[in-house]
PDB file of N, CA and C in Angstrom:
ATOM      1  N   MET A   1       4.585   1.565   3.215  1.00  0.00           N
ATOM      2  CA  MET A   1       5.260   0.451   3.820  1.00  0.00           C
ATOM      3  C   MET A   1       4.245  -0.611   4.256  1.00  0.00           C
ATOM      4  N   ARG A   2       3.199  -0.711   3.434  1.00  0.00           N
ATOM      5  CA  ARG A   2       2.159  -1.722   3.636  1.00  0.00           C
ATOM      6  C   ARG A   2       2.079  -2.613   2.404  1.00  0.00           C
ATOM      7  N   CYS A   3       1.349  -3.686   2.519  1.00  0.00           N
ATOM      8  CA  CYS A   3       1.183  -4.640   1.432  1.00  0.00           C
ATOM      9  C   CYS A   3       0.602  -3.946   0.192  1.00  0.00           C
ATOM     10  N   PRO A   4       1.203  -4.164  -0.987  1.00  0.00           N
ATOM     11  CA  PRO A   4       0.664  -3.522  -2.183  1.00  0.00           C
ATOM     12  C   PRO A   4      -0.666  -4.133  -2.639  1.00  0.00           C
ATOM     13  N   ARG A   5      -0.957  -5.363  -2.203  1.00  0.00           N
ATOM     14  CA  ARG A   5      -2.204  -5.993  -2.621  1.00  0.00           C
ATOM     15  C   ARG A   5      -3.386  -5.528  -1.776  1.00  0.00           C
ATOM     16  N   CYS A   6      -3.268  -5.639  -0.457  1.00  0.00           N
ATOM     17  CA  CYS A   6      -4.419  -5.329   0.401  1.00  0.00           C
ATOM     18  C   CYS A   6      -4.300  -3.983   1.105  1.00  0.00           C
ATOM     19  N   GLY A   7      -3.090  -3.469   1.256  1.00  0.00           N
ATOM     20  CA  GLY A   7      -2.886  -2.192   1.935  1.00  0.00           C
ATOM     21  C   GLY A   7      -3.011  -2.257   3.443  1.00  0.00           C
ATOM     22  N   VAL A   8      -3.155  -3.460   3.995  1.00  0.00           N
ATOM     23  CA  VAL A   8      -3.348  -3.618   5.435  1.00  0.00           C
ATOM     24  C   VAL A   8      -2.075  -4.131   6.113  1.00  0.00           C
ATOM     25  N   GLY A   9      -1.539  -5.229   5.598  1.00  0.00           N
ATOM     26  CA  GLY A   9      -0.391  -5.864   6.238  1.00  0.00           C
ATOM     27  C   GLY A   9       0.878  -5.055   6.095  1.00  0.00           C
ATOM     28  N   ARG A  10       1.685  -5.087   7.136  1.00  0.00           N
ATOM     29  CA  ARG A  10       2.964  -4.380   7.113  1.00  0.00           C
ATOM     30  C   ARG A  10       4.002  -5.188   6.358  1.00  0.00           C
ATOM     31  N   ILE A  11       4.941  -4.498   5.770  1.00  0.00           N
ATOM     32  CA  ILE A  11       6.054  -5.172   5.108  1.00  0.00           C
ATOM     33  C   ILE A  11       7.155  -5.494   6.121  1.00  0.00           C
ATOM     34  N   PHE A  12       7.378  -4.592   7.066  1.00  0.00           N
ATOM     35  CA  PHE A  12       8.457  -4.766   8.031  1.00  0.00           C
ATOM     36  C   PHE A  12       7.921  -5.002   9.434  1.00  0.00           C
ATOM     37  N   ARG A  13       8.568  -5.925  10.131  1.00  0.00           N
ATOM     38  CA  ARG A  13       8.272  -6.100  11.556  1.00  0.00           C
ATOM     39  C   ARG A  13       8.796  -4.890  12.313  1.00  0.00           C
ATOM     40  N   ARG A  14      10.053  -4.570  12.045  1.00  0.00           N
ATOM     41  CA  ARG A  14      10.710  -3.393  12.614  1.00  0.00           C
ATOM     42  C   ARG A  14      11.542  -2.775  11.505  1.00  0.00           C
ATOM     43  N   TRP A  15      11.165  -1.586  11.064  1.00  0.00           N
ATOM     44  CA  TRP A  15      11.904  -0.990   9.947  1.00  0.00           C
ATOM     45  C   TRP A  15      13.292  -0.532  10.360  1.00  0.00           C
ATOM     46  N   TRP A  16      13.499  -0.161  11.619  1.00  0.00           N
ATOM     47  CA  TRP A  16      14.808   0.340  12.032  1.00  0.00           C
ATOM     48  C   TRP A  16      15.837  -0.777  12.114  1.00  0.00           C
ATOM     49  N   THR A  17      15.388  -2.036  12.205  1.00  0.00           N
ATOM     50  CA  THR A  17      16.330  -3.153  12.143  1.00  0.00           C
ATOM     51  C   THR A  17      16.239  -3.873  10.806  1.00  0.00           C
ATOM     52  N   TYR A  18      15.379  -3.377   9.919  1.00  0.00           N
ATOM     53  CA  TYR A  18      15.222  -3.933   8.583  1.00  0.00           C
ATOM     54  C   TYR A  18      14.803  -5.402   8.628  1.00  0.00           C
ATOM     55  N   THR A  19      13.893  -5.718   9.553  1.00  0.00           N
ATOM     56  CA  THR A  19      13.342  -7.061   9.668  1.00  0.00           C
ATOM     57  C   THR A  19      12.008  -7.093   8.942  1.00  0.00           C
ATOM     58  N   GLU A  20      11.928  -7.874   7.878  1.00  0.00           N
ATOM     59  CA  GLU A  20      10.722  -7.883   7.062  1.00  0.00           C
ATOM     60  C   GLU A  20       9.996  -9.217   7.137  1.00  0.00           C
ATOM     61  N   TYR A  21       8.705  -9.164   6.851  1.00  0.00           N
ATOM     62  CA  TYR A  21       7.903 -10.375   6.730  1.00  0.00           C
ATOM     63  C   TYR A  21       8.158 -10.989   5.358  1.00  0.00           C
ATOM     64  N   LYS A  22       8.072 -12.301   5.271  1.00  0.00           N
ATOM     65  CA  LYS A  22       8.190 -12.973   3.974  1.00  0.00           C
ATOM     66  C   LYS A  22       6.914 -12.786   3.153  1.00  0.00           C
ATOM     67  N   SER A  23       5.780 -12.725   3.848  1.00  0.00           N
ATOM     68  CA  SER A  23       4.501 -12.520   3.165  1.00  0.00           C
ATOM     69  C   SER A  23       3.613 -11.641   4.039  1.00  0.00           C
ATOM     70  N   CYS A  24       2.543 -11.159   3.445  1.00  0.00           N
ATOM     71  CA  CYS A  24       1.637 -10.256   4.145  1.00  0.00           C
ATOM     72  C   CYS A  24       0.914 -10.992   5.275  1.00  0.00           C
ATOM     73  N   PRO A  25       0.923 -10.457   6.486  1.00  0.00           N
ATOM     74  CA  PRO A  25       0.218 -11.088   7.590  1.00  0.00           C
ATOM     75  C   PRO A  25      -1.306 -11.072   7.402  1.00  0.00           C
ATOM     76  N   ALA A  26      -1.815 -10.159   6.580  1.00  0.00           N
ATOM     77  CA  ALA A  26      -3.260 -10.041   6.404  1.00  0.00           C
ATOM     78  C   ALA A  26      -3.785 -10.904   5.255  1.00  0.00           C
ATOM     79  N   CYS A  27      -3.158 -10.818   4.057  1.00  0.00           N
ATOM     80  CA  CYS A  27      -3.702 -11.528   2.892  1.00  0.00           C
ATOM     81  C   CYS A  27      -2.818 -12.667   2.400  1.00  0.00           C
ATOM     82  N   GLY A  28      -1.595 -12.797   2.915  1.00  0.00           N
ATOM     83  CA  GLY A  28      -0.722 -13.902   2.544  1.00  0.00           C
ATOM     84  C   GLY A  28       0.086 -13.680   1.273  1.00  0.00           C
ATOM     85  N   HIS A  29       0.024 -12.504   0.683  1.00  0.00           N
ATOM     86  CA  HIS A  29       0.784 -12.214  -0.537  1.00  0.00           C
ATOM     87  C   HIS A  29       2.282 -12.280  -0.239  1.00  0.00           C
ATOM     88  N   ALA A  30       3.017 -13.096  -1.034  1.00  0.00           N
ATOM     89  CA  ALA A  30       4.475 -13.205  -0.867  1.00  0.00           C
ATOM     90  C   ALA A  30       5.116 -11.928  -1.395  1.00  0.00           C
ATOM     91  N   TYR A  31       5.865 -11.243  -0.550  1.00  0.00           N
ATOM     92  CA  TYR A  31       6.412  -9.945  -0.926  1.00  0.00           C
ATOM     93  C   TYR A  31       7.494 -10.021  -1.992  1.00  0.00           C
ATOM     94  N   ASP A  32       8.464 -10.886  -1.819  1.00  0.00           N
ATOM     95  CA  ASP A  32       9.598 -10.941  -2.744  1.00  0.00           C
ATOM     96  C   ASP A  32      10.011 -12.390  -2.966  1.00  0.00           C
ATOM     97  N   PRO A  33       9.165 -13.195  -3.627  1.00  0.00           N
ATOM     98  CA  PRO A  33       9.454 -14.622  -3.721  1.00  0.00           C
ATOM     99  C   PRO A  33      10.684 -14.962  -4.562  1.00  0.00           C
ATOM    100  N   HIS A  34      11.023 -14.139  -5.539  1.00  0.00           N
ATOM    101  CA  HIS A  34      12.143 -14.444  -6.429  1.00  0.00           C
ATOM    102  C   HIS A  34      13.352 -13.533  -6.206  1.00  0.00           C
ATOM    103  N   GLY A  35      13.317 -12.704  -5.187  1.00  0.00           N
ATOM    104  CA  GLY A  35      14.426 -11.804  -4.913  1.00  0.00           C
ATOM    105  C   GLY A  35      14.585 -10.700  -5.947  1.00  0.00           C
ATOM    106  N   GLU A  36      13.497 -10.341  -6.611  1.00  0.00           N
ATOM    107  CA  GLU A  36      13.558  -9.359  -7.692  1.00  0.00           C
ATOM    108  C   GLU A  36      13.816  -7.938  -7.205  1.00  0.00           C
ATOM    109  N   SER A  37      13.538  -7.657  -5.951  1.00  0.00           N
ATOM    110  CA  SER A  37      13.701  -6.292  -5.469  1.00  0.00           C
ATOM    111  C   SER A  37      15.164  -5.915  -5.276  1.00  0.00           C
ATOM    112  N   LEU A  38      16.066  -6.888  -5.324  1.00  0.00           N
ATOM    113  CA  LEU A  38      17.483  -6.573  -5.146  1.00  0.00           C
ATOM    114  C   LEU A  38      18.013  -5.688  -6.265  1.00  0.00           C
ATOM    115  N   ALA A  39      17.549  -5.896  -7.490  1.00  0.00           N
ATOM    116  CA  ALA A  39      17.996  -5.053  -8.601  1.00  0.00           C
ATOM    117  C   ALA A  39      17.605  -3.602  -8.357  1.00  0.00           C
ATOM    118  N   PHE A  40      16.387  -3.379  -7.898  1.00  0.00           N
ATOM    119  CA  PHE A  40      15.961  -2.019  -7.609  1.00  0.00           C
ATOM    120  C   PHE A  40      16.780  -1.436  -6.466  1.00  0.00           C
ATOM    121  N   MET A  41      17.076  -2.246  -5.475  1.00  0.00           N
ATOM    122  CA  MET A  41      17.875  -1.766  -4.349  1.00  0.00           C
ATOM    123  C   MET A  41      19.270  -1.336  -4.828  1.00  0.00           C
ATOM    124  N   TYR A  42      19.879  -2.129  -5.703  1.00  0.00           N
ATOM    125  CA  TYR A  42      21.194  -1.759  -6.224  1.00  0.00           C
ATOM    126  C   TYR A  42      21.112  -0.476  -7.043  1.00  0.00           C
ATOM    127  N   LEU A  43      20.094  -0.363  -7.890  1.00  0.00           N
ATOM    128  CA  LEU A  43      19.948   0.839  -8.713  1.00  0.00           C
ATOM    129  C   LEU A  43      19.678   2.073  -7.861  1.00  0.00           C
ATOM    130  N   SER A  44      18.838   1.928  -6.854  1.00  0.00           N
ATOM    131  CA  SER A  44      18.548   3.091  -6.014  1.00  0.00           C
ATOM    132  C   SER A  44      19.761   3.475  -5.162  1.00  0.00           C
ATOM    133  N   THR A  45      20.555   2.504  -4.751  1.00  0.00           N
ATOM    134  CA  THR A  45      21.783   2.814  -4.031  1.00  0.00           C
ATOM    135  C   THR A  45      22.771   3.511  -4.961  1.00  0.00           C
ATOM    136  N   ALA A  46      22.826   3.061  -6.213  1.00  0.00           N
ATOM    137  CA  ALA A  46      23.690   3.733  -7.192  1.00  0.00           C
ATOM    138  C   ALA A  46      23.208   5.159  -7.433  1.00  0.00           C
ATOM    139  N   PHE A  47      21.904   5.368  -7.460  1.00  0.00           N
ATOM    140  CA  PHE A  47      21.365   6.724  -7.623  1.00  0.00           C
ATOM    141  C   PHE A  47      21.778   7.616  -6.452  1.00  0.00           C
ATOM    142  N   LEU A  48      21.638   7.100  -5.236  1.00  0.00           N
ATOM    143  CA  LEU A  48      22.038   7.882  -4.067  1.00  0.00           C
ATOM    144  C   LEU A  48      23.538   8.160  -4.063  1.00  0.00           C
ATOM    145  N   THR A  49      24.317   7.201  -4.550  1.00  0.00           N
ATOM    146  CA  THR A  49      25.756   7.424  -4.671  1.00  0.00           C
ATOM    147  C   THR A  49      26.028   8.534  -5.680  1.00  0.00           C
ATOM    148  N   GLY A  50      25.274   8.552  -6.766  1.00  0.00           N
ATOM    149  CA  GLY A  50      25.403   9.623  -7.747  1.00  0.00           C
ATOM    150  C   GLY A  50      25.068  10.979  -7.157  1.00  0.00           C
ATOM    151  N   VAL A  51      24.045  11.029  -6.323  1.00  0.00           N
ATOM    152  CA  VAL A  51      23.692  12.288  -5.655  1.00  0.00           C
ATOM    153  C   VAL A  51      24.834  12.749  -4.763  1.00  0.00           C
ATOM    154  N   MET A  52      25.420  11.825  -4.021  1.00  0.00           N
ATOM    155  CA  MET A  52      26.540  12.194  -3.160  1.00  0.00           C
ATOM    156  C   MET A  52      27.754  12.635  -3.993  1.00  0.00           C
ATOM    157  N   PHE A  53      27.940  12.048  -5.159  1.00  0.00           N
ATOM    158  CA  PHE A  53      29.032  12.457  -6.044  1.00  0.00           C
ATOM    159  C   PHE A  53      28.795  13.874  -6.562  1.00  0.00           C
ATOM    160  N   ILE A  54      27.561  14.198  -6.889  1.00  0.00           N
ATOM    161  CA  ILE A  54      27.231  15.559  -7.329  1.00  0.00           C
ATOM    162  C   ILE A  54      27.508  16.555  -6.203  1.00  0.00           C
ATOM    163  N   VAL A  55      27.162  16.181  -4.974  1.00  0.00           N
ATOM    164  CA  VAL A  55      27.477  17.042  -3.824  1.00  0.00           C
ATOM    165  C   VAL A  55      28.983  17.223  -3.721  1.00  0.00           C
ATOM    166  N   LEU A  56      29.721  16.149  -3.933  1.00  0.00           N
ATOM    167  CA  LEU A  56      31.180  16.212  -3.875  1.00  0.00           C
ATOM    168  C   LEU A  56      31.729  17.199  -4.903  1.00  0.00           C
ATOM    169  N   LEU A  57      31.144  17.209  -6.094  1.00  0.00           N
ATOM    170  CA  LEU A  57      31.611  18.117  -7.142  1.00  0.00           C
ATOM    171  C   LEU A  57      31.111  19.552  -6.951  1.00  0.00           C
ATOM    172  N   ALA A  58      29.918  19.696  -6.407  1.00  0.00           N
ATOM    173  CA  ALA A  58      29.291  21.013  -6.313  1.00  0.00           C
ATOM    174  C   ALA A  58      29.785  21.843  -5.132  1.00  0.00           C
ATOM    175  N   ILE A  59      30.167  21.181  -4.068  1.00  0.00           N
ATOM    176  CA  ILE A  59      30.592  21.908  -2.864  1.00  0.00           C
ATOM    177  C   ILE A  59      32.076  21.636  -2.631  1.00  0.00           C
ATOM    178  N   PRO A  60      32.920  22.591  -2.934  1.00  0.00           N
ATOM    179  CA  PRO A  60      34.360  22.368  -2.752  1.00  0.00           C
ATOM    180  C   PRO A  60      34.738  22.313  -1.269  1.00  0.00           C
ATOM    181  N   PRO A  61      35.674  21.448  -0.920  1.00  0.00           N
ATOM    182  CA  PRO A  61      36.064  21.317   0.495  1.00  0.00           C
ATOM    183  C   PRO A  61      36.974  22.449   0.957  1.00  0.00           C
ATOM    184  N   ARG A  62      36.776  22.843   2.200  1.00  0.00           N
ATOM    185  CA  ARG A  62      37.690  23.792   2.843  1.00  0.00           C
ATOM    186  C   ARG A  62      38.720  23.019   3.656  1.00  0.00           C
ATOM    187  N   ASP A  63      38.231  22.046   4.410  1.00  0.00           N
ATOM    188  CA  ASP A  63      39.102  21.163   5.185  1.00  0.00           C
ATOM    189  C   ASP A  63      38.816  19.744   4.690  1.00  0.00           C
ATOM    190  N   LEU A  64      39.751  19.144   3.995  1.00  0.00           N
ATOM    191  CA  LEU A  64      39.521  17.875   3.311  1.00  0.00           C
ATOM    192  C   LEU A  64      39.155  16.740   4.263  1.00  0.00           C
ATOM    193  N   THR A  65      39.769  16.664   5.422  1.00  0.00           N
ATOM    194  CA  THR A  65      39.487  15.581   6.368  1.00  0.00           C
ATOM    195  C   THR A  65      38.058  15.671   6.894  1.00  0.00           C
ATOM    196  N   ARG A  66      37.667  16.840   7.360  1.00  0.00           N
ATOM    197  CA  ARG A  66      36.288  17.016   7.851  1.00  0.00           C
ATOM    198  C   ARG A  66      35.277  16.825   6.735  1.00  0.00           C
ATOM    199  N   TYR A  67      35.619  17.244   5.547  1.00  0.00           N
ATOM    200  CA  TYR A  67      34.734  17.093   4.384  1.00  0.00           C
ATOM    201  C   TYR A  67      34.484  15.617   4.091  1.00  0.00           C
ATOM    202  N   ARG A  68      35.547  14.833   4.071  1.00  0.00           N
ATOM    203  CA  ARG A  68      35.410  13.394   3.802  1.00  0.00           C
ATOM    204  C   ARG A  68      34.594  12.702   4.891  1.00  0.00           C
ATOM    205  N   ILE A  69      34.876  13.020   6.137  1.00  0.00           N
ATOM    206  CA  ILE A  69      34.130  12.411   7.245  1.00  0.00           C
ATOM    207  C   ILE A  69      32.657  12.783   7.162  1.00  0.00           C
ATOM    208  N   GLY A  70      32.375  14.054   6.885  1.00  0.00           N
ATOM    209  CA  GLY A  70      30.983  14.494   6.757  1.00  0.00           C
ATOM    210  C   GLY A  70      30.270  13.849   5.601  1.00  0.00           C
ATOM    211  N   LEU A  71      30.950  13.722   4.460  1.00  0.00           N
ATOM    212  CA  LEU A  71      30.338  13.122   3.279  1.00  0.00           C
ATOM    213  C   LEU A  71      30.049  11.632   3.490  1.00  0.00           C
ATOM    214  N   VAL A  72      30.991  10.916   4.054  1.00  0.00           N
ATOM    215  CA  VAL A  72      30.784   9.485   4.313  1.00  0.00           C
ATOM    216  C   VAL A  72      29.678   9.293   5.349  1.00  0.00           C
ATOM    217  N   THR A  73      29.672  10.094   6.395  1.00  0.00           N
ATOM    218  CA  THR A  73      28.622   9.994   7.415  1.00  0.00           C
ATOM    219  C   THR A  73      27.252  10.289   6.818  1.00  0.00           C
ATOM    220  N   ALA A  74      27.166  11.331   6.012  1.00  0.00           N
ATOM    221  CA  ALA A  74      25.894  11.675   5.377  1.00  0.00           C
ATOM    222  C   ALA A  74      25.438  10.582   4.425  1.00  0.00           C
ATOM    223  N   ALA A  75      26.351   9.999   3.663  1.00  0.00           N
ATOM    224  CA  ALA A  75      25.992   8.936   2.726  1.00  0.00           C
ATOM    225  C   ALA A  75      25.485   7.703   3.465  1.00  0.00           C
ATOM    226  N   LEU A  76      26.176   7.282   4.502  1.00  0.00           N
ATOM    227  CA  LEU A  76      25.736   6.108   5.263  1.00  0.00           C
ATOM    228  C   LEU A  76      24.392   6.351   5.948  1.00  0.00           C
ATOM    229  N   ALA A  77      24.204   7.550   6.473  1.00  0.00           N
ATOM    230  CA  ALA A  77      22.913   7.876   7.089  1.00  0.00           C
ATOM    231  C   ALA A  77      21.802   7.868   6.045  1.00  0.00           C
ATOM    232  N   LEU A  78      22.067   8.438   4.875  1.00  0.00           N
ATOM    233  CA  LEU A  78      21.066   8.458   3.809  1.00  0.00           C
ATOM    234  C   LEU A  78      20.710   7.045   3.355  1.00  0.00           C
ATOM    235  N   TYR A  79      21.711   6.200   3.189  1.00  0.00           N
ATOM    236  CA  TYR A  79      21.457   4.807   2.794  1.00  0.00           C
ATOM    237  C   TYR A  79      20.646   4.077   3.855  1.00  0.00           C
ATOM    238  N   GLY A  80      21.020   4.240   5.106  1.00  0.00           N
ATOM    239  CA  GLY A  80      20.332   3.536   6.191  1.00  0.00           C
ATOM    240  C   GLY A  80      18.897   3.995   6.393  1.00  0.00           C
ATOM    241  N   VAL A  81      18.685   5.295   6.348  1.00  0.00           N
ATOM    242  CA  VAL A  81      17.343   5.835   6.590  1.00  0.00           C
ATOM    243  C   VAL A  81      16.386   5.497   5.453  1.00  0.00           C
ATOM    244  N   THR A  82      16.878   5.514   4.214  1.00  0.00           N
ATOM    245  CA  THR A  82      15.979   5.284   3.077  1.00  0.00           C
ATOM    246  C   THR A  82      15.850   3.817   2.671  1.00  0.00           C
ATOM    247  N   MET A  83      16.623   2.924   3.277  1.00  0.00           N
ATOM    248  CA  MET A  83      16.579   1.522   2.852  1.00  0.00           C
ATOM    249  C   MET A  83      15.197   0.884   2.977  1.00  0.00           C
ATOM    250  N   PRO A  84      14.488   1.023   4.097  1.00  0.00           N
ATOM    251  CA  PRO A  84      13.147   0.425   4.162  1.00  0.00           C
ATOM    252  C   PRO A  84      12.186   1.029   3.139  1.00  0.00           C
ATOM    253  N   LEU A  85      12.280   2.321   2.909  1.00  0.00           N
ATOM    254  CA  LEU A  85      11.401   2.952   1.916  1.00  0.00           C
ATOM    255  C   LEU A  85      11.719   2.456   0.514  1.00  0.00           C
ATOM    256  N   ARG A  86      12.996   2.297   0.214  1.00  0.00           N
ATOM    257  CA  ARG A  86      13.389   1.800  -1.103  1.00  0.00           C
ATOM    258  C   ARG A  86      12.963   0.347  -1.284  1.00  0.00           C
ATOM    259  N   LYS A  87      13.071  -0.458  -0.245  1.00  0.00           N
ATOM    260  CA  LYS A  87      12.642  -1.860  -0.321  1.00  0.00           C
ATOM    261  C   LYS A  87      11.134  -1.951  -0.498  1.00  0.00           C
ATOM    262  N   ALA A  88      10.378  -1.140   0.228  1.00  0.00           N
ATOM    263  CA  ALA A  88       8.921  -1.143   0.092  1.00  0.00           C
ATOM    264  C   ALA A  88       8.513  -0.697  -1.308  1.00  0.00           C
ATOM    265  N   LEU A  89       9.194   0.300  -1.846  1.00  0.00           N
ATOM    266  CA  LEU A  89       8.905   0.752  -3.205  1.00  0.00           C
ATOM    267  C   LEU A  89       9.224  -0.345  -4.212  1.00  0.00           C
ATOM    268  N   ALA A  90      10.314  -1.064  -4.012  1.00  0.00           N
ATOM    269  CA  ALA A  90      10.674  -2.159  -4.909  1.00  0.00           C
ATOM    270  C   ALA A  90       9.622  -3.262  -4.876  1.00  0.00           C
ATOM    271  N   ILE A  91       9.123  -3.598  -3.703  1.00  0.00           N
ATOM    272  CA  ILE A  91       8.086  -4.623  -3.576  1.00  0.00           C
ATOM    273  C   ILE A  91       6.813  -4.171  -4.278  1.00  0.00           C
ATOM    274  N   ALA A  92       6.441  -2.915  -4.107  1.00  0.00           N
ATOM    275  CA  ALA A  92       5.235  -2.394  -4.764  1.00  0.00           C
ATOM    276  C   ALA A  92       5.391  -2.378  -6.276  1.00  0.00           C
ATOM    277  N   LEU A  93       6.549  -1.958  -6.767  1.00  0.00           N
ATOM    278  CA  LEU A  93       6.769  -1.948  -8.219  1.00  0.00           C
ATOM    279  C   LEU A  93       6.744  -3.353  -8.797  1.00  0.00           C
ATOM    280  N   ASN A  94       7.339  -4.317  -8.090  1.00  0.00           N
ATOM    281  CA  ASN A  94       7.287  -5.706  -8.556  1.00  0.00           C
ATOM    282  C   ASN A  94       5.849  -6.214  -8.592  1.00  0.00           C
ATOM    283  N   TYR A  95       5.064  -5.861  -7.600  1.00  0.00           N
ATOM    284  CA  TYR A  95       3.668  -6.302  -7.560  1.00  0.00           C
ATOM    285  C   TYR A  95       2.892  -5.725  -8.742  1.00  0.00           C
ATOM    286  N   PHE A  96       3.034  -4.448  -8.991  1.00  0.00           N
ATOM    287  CA  PHE A  96       2.270  -3.823 -10.059  1.00  0.00           C
ATOM    288  C   PHE A  96       2.765  -4.227 -11.456  1.00  0.00           C
ATOM    289  N   ASN A  97       4.032  -4.608 -11.578  1.00  0.00           N
ATOM    290  CA  ASN A  97       4.544  -5.070 -12.872  1.00  0.00           C
ATOM    291  C   ASN A  97       4.179  -6.511 -13.177  1.00  0.00           C
ATOM    292  N   HIS A  98       3.875  -7.313 -12.160  1.00  0.00           N
ATOM    293  CA  HIS A  98       3.597  -8.738 -12.374  1.00  0.00           C
ATOM    294  C   HIS A  98       2.123  -9.082 -12.258  1.00  0.00           C
ATOM    295  N   ARG A  99       1.267  -8.091 -12.134  1.00  0.00           N
ATOM    296  CA  ARG A  99      -0.156  -8.403 -12.026  1.00  0.00           C
ATOM    297  C   ARG A  99      -0.717  -8.835 -13.329  1.00  0.00           C
TER     298      ARG A  99
END
């Protein structure tokens, strides 16, 4: 969750609120100037949705209401917790692909 160019500057001011810097505070590298990381974010969210769908198929429900509440809660928690990591990975992949 640091700058892919210098490894010093942080990407996020506060990761729990998903507040990010526009560029690296240390070297000035623009993290996402063209909004290219959104495609990766959509794909990674689709991947996580696929994982939750596999869980839905693999574990049969005993009580459908509790099962649905648990699955939705787990999915939202998974999306929220991994969002900064997925965004940082997208920024790093964009940097290494455009060098």
